[in-house]
Protein backbone atom coordinates (compact mmCIF):
# COMPACT_ATOMS: atom_id res chain seq x y z
CA MET A 1 45.57 -16.75 40.93
CA GLN A 2 42.37 -18.04 39.35
CA THR A 3 39.45 -18.95 41.53
CA PRO A 4 37.49 -22.11 40.71
CA GLN A 5 34.25 -21.35 38.92
CA ASP A 6 31.02 -22.39 40.60
CA PRO A 7 29.91 -25.57 38.75
CA PHE A 8 26.30 -24.78 39.69
CA LYS A 9 26.31 -21.16 38.50
CA ALA A 10 23.89 -21.75 35.60
CA ALA A 11 21.60 -23.88 37.77
CA ARG A 12 21.58 -21.24 40.51
CA ALA A 13 20.68 -18.65 37.89
CA GLU A 14 17.74 -20.83 36.79
CA LEU A 15 16.43 -20.96 40.36
CA ALA A 16 16.83 -17.21 40.82
CA ASN A 17 15.10 -16.56 37.47
CA LEU A 18 12.18 -18.77 38.49
CA ARG A 19 11.86 -16.95 41.81
CA HIS A 20 11.82 -13.58 40.06
CA ALA A 21 9.59 -14.63 37.13
CA VAL A 22 6.64 -15.96 39.11
CA THR A 23 4.72 -13.85 41.59
CA GLY A 24 4.65 -15.39 45.05
CA VAL A 25 7.67 -17.71 44.76
CA GLN A 26 9.63 -17.54 48.00
CA GLY A 27 12.29 -20.07 47.22
CA CYS A 28 13.47 -23.11 45.32
CA VAL A 29 15.53 -26.15 46.17
CA VAL A 30 16.97 -28.90 44.03
CA ALA A 31 17.26 -32.19 45.87
CA GLY A 32 17.93 -35.81 45.12
CA VAL A 33 14.97 -38.17 45.27
CA ASP A 34 16.63 -39.40 48.48
CA GLY A 35 15.95 -36.02 50.11
CA LEU A 36 19.53 -34.74 50.11
CA LEU A 37 19.92 -31.07 49.22
CA ILE A 38 21.83 -30.31 46.02
CA LEU A 39 21.39 -26.52 45.86
CA HIS A 40 18.91 -23.80 46.74
CA ASP A 41 17.80 -20.23 46.15
CA SER A 42 15.47 -19.32 48.96
CA MET A 43 14.02 -16.27 50.65
CA SER A 44 11.79 -18.57 52.71
CA ALA A 45 12.27 -18.97 56.45
CA ALA A 46 12.19 -22.74 55.97
CA GLU A 47 15.49 -24.61 56.22
CA PRO A 48 16.60 -25.77 52.71
CA HIS A 49 17.58 -29.22 54.01
CA ASP A 50 14.08 -29.63 55.45
CA LEU A 51 12.52 -28.57 52.14
CA ALA A 52 14.64 -31.17 50.34
CA ALA A 53 13.41 -33.87 52.71
CA LEU A 54 9.79 -32.74 52.34
CA ALA A 55 10.15 -32.80 48.55
CA ALA A 56 11.39 -36.39 48.72
CA GLY A 57 8.43 -37.31 50.90
CA ALA A 58 5.98 -35.73 48.45
CA HIS A 59 7.75 -37.55 45.62
CA GLY A 60 7.48 -40.87 47.46
CA ILE A 61 3.77 -40.64 48.17
CA SER A 62 3.13 -39.44 44.62
CA ARG A 63 5.06 -42.39 43.17
CA THR A 64 3.06 -44.74 45.37
CA CYS A 65 -0.22 -43.22 44.18
CA GLY A 66 0.90 -43.38 40.55
CA GLY A 67 1.74 -47.06 40.93
CA ALA A 68 -1.44 -47.97 42.78
CA LEU A 69 -3.60 -46.13 40.27
CA HIS A 70 -1.63 -47.40 37.24
CA GLN A 71 -0.93 -43.81 36.18
CA GLY A 72 2.79 -44.11 35.50
CA GLY A 73 5.83 -42.36 36.92
CA PHE A 74 6.15 -39.14 38.88
CA HIS A 75 6.04 -35.80 37.07
CA GLU A 76 4.91 -33.23 39.64
CA CYS A 77 2.70 -32.60 42.63
CA THR A 78 1.31 -29.50 44.29
CA ILE A 79 0.45 -29.10 47.95
CA ARG A 80 -1.74 -26.16 48.91
CA ASN A 81 -2.00 -25.04 52.52
CA GLN A 82 -3.82 -22.14 54.19
CA LYS A 83 -0.88 -19.76 53.74
CA GLY A 84 0.96 -21.08 50.73
CA TYR A 85 2.11 -23.81 48.40
CA MET A 86 4.82 -26.34 47.85
CA ALA A 87 5.15 -27.69 44.34
CA VAL A 88 7.55 -30.55 43.51
CA TYR A 89 8.70 -31.33 39.98
CA ALA A 90 10.81 -34.16 38.59
CA VAL A 91 14.25 -33.17 37.29
CA GLY A 92 15.08 -36.28 35.35
CA GLU A 93 14.50 -39.46 37.35
CA LEU A 94 16.95 -38.82 40.16
CA ALA A 95 16.35 -35.23 41.29
CA LEU A 96 13.54 -32.89 42.27
CA LEU A 97 12.79 -29.19 42.10
CA ALA A 98 10.74 -27.97 45.05
CA VAL A 99 9.21 -24.50 44.92
CA ILE A 100 7.79 -22.76 47.97
CA GLY A 101 5.21 -20.03 47.45
CA ASP A 102 3.07 -17.76 49.55
CA ASP A 103 -0.72 -17.62 49.33
CA GLY A 104 -0.46 -15.14 46.42
CA LEU A 105 1.49 -17.59 44.26
CA ASN A 106 0.41 -17.68 40.63
CA ILE A 107 0.33 -21.48 40.48
CA ALA A 108 -0.64 -21.70 36.81
CA ARG A 109 2.32 -19.51 35.83
CA LEU A 110 4.57 -21.52 38.12
CA HIS A 111 3.61 -24.76 36.38
CA LEU A 112 4.38 -23.25 32.96
CA GLU A 113 7.73 -21.82 34.06
CA ALA A 114 8.85 -24.72 36.26
CA ARG A 115 8.30 -27.36 33.56
CA GLN A 116 10.70 -25.48 31.29
CA THR A 117 13.12 -24.89 34.15
CA THR A 118 13.29 -28.58 35.07
CA ALA A 119 14.28 -29.53 31.53
CA ARG A 120 17.12 -27.00 31.57
CA LEU A 121 18.21 -28.05 35.08
CA ALA A 122 18.40 -31.70 34.04
CA LYS A 123 20.84 -30.75 31.27
CA GLN A 124 22.87 -28.30 33.37
CA LEU A 125 23.22 -30.65 36.31
CA GLU A 126 23.71 -33.66 34.02
CA ILE A 127 20.95 -35.54 35.83
CA ARG A 128 21.02 -39.07 34.54
CA THR A 129 18.18 -41.52 34.28
CA VAL A 130 18.37 -44.68 36.36
CA GLN A 131 19.46 -46.60 33.25
CA ASP A 132 22.15 -43.99 32.44
CA ALA A 133 23.42 -44.13 36.01
CA GLU A 134 23.77 -47.92 35.76
CA ASP A 135 25.74 -47.50 32.51
CA TRP A 136 27.97 -44.92 34.22
CA TYR A 137 29.19 -47.49 36.74
CA PRO A 138 30.52 -50.45 34.75
CA GLU A 139 30.15 -54.00 36.00
CA PRO A 140 33.13 -55.24 38.04
CA ALA A 141 35.71 -57.27 36.16
CA ALA A 142 35.08 -61.03 36.06
CA GLY A 143 36.26 -62.69 39.23
CA HIS A 144 36.27 -59.41 41.22
CA THR A 145 34.16 -59.69 44.36
CA GLY A 146 34.44 -56.06 45.42
CA SER A 147 36.11 -56.86 48.74
């Protein structure tokens, strides 16, 4: 009997590679921009669902700042605290990569590695843009009210 293959195997490998490639990374989560957890690879004590929600919050405030300052759409943000970091990166327009690091995190290396990782994750997870997502769900047939 064959067992079903993990559809997120390649994406999980990306997260594990990022955690191992950058000194100080404690864990990674991929979440929707709505804060729902998609997958994670974490050695952090923080709950992955909470990290997903925090990433969405950071994304929201960053989008608001970008709009108010006329600086365009969200790409990434970094939060530095006394004992560590949380960096959030866009994975397409509909998902986020959040990386948790300790106070020894090599943040410059993380930025270099994570930017490449997000591009690969977008392809592996087939993250669609908002426009692509609208094309994915065709308009209802004429006369159909949906009820």
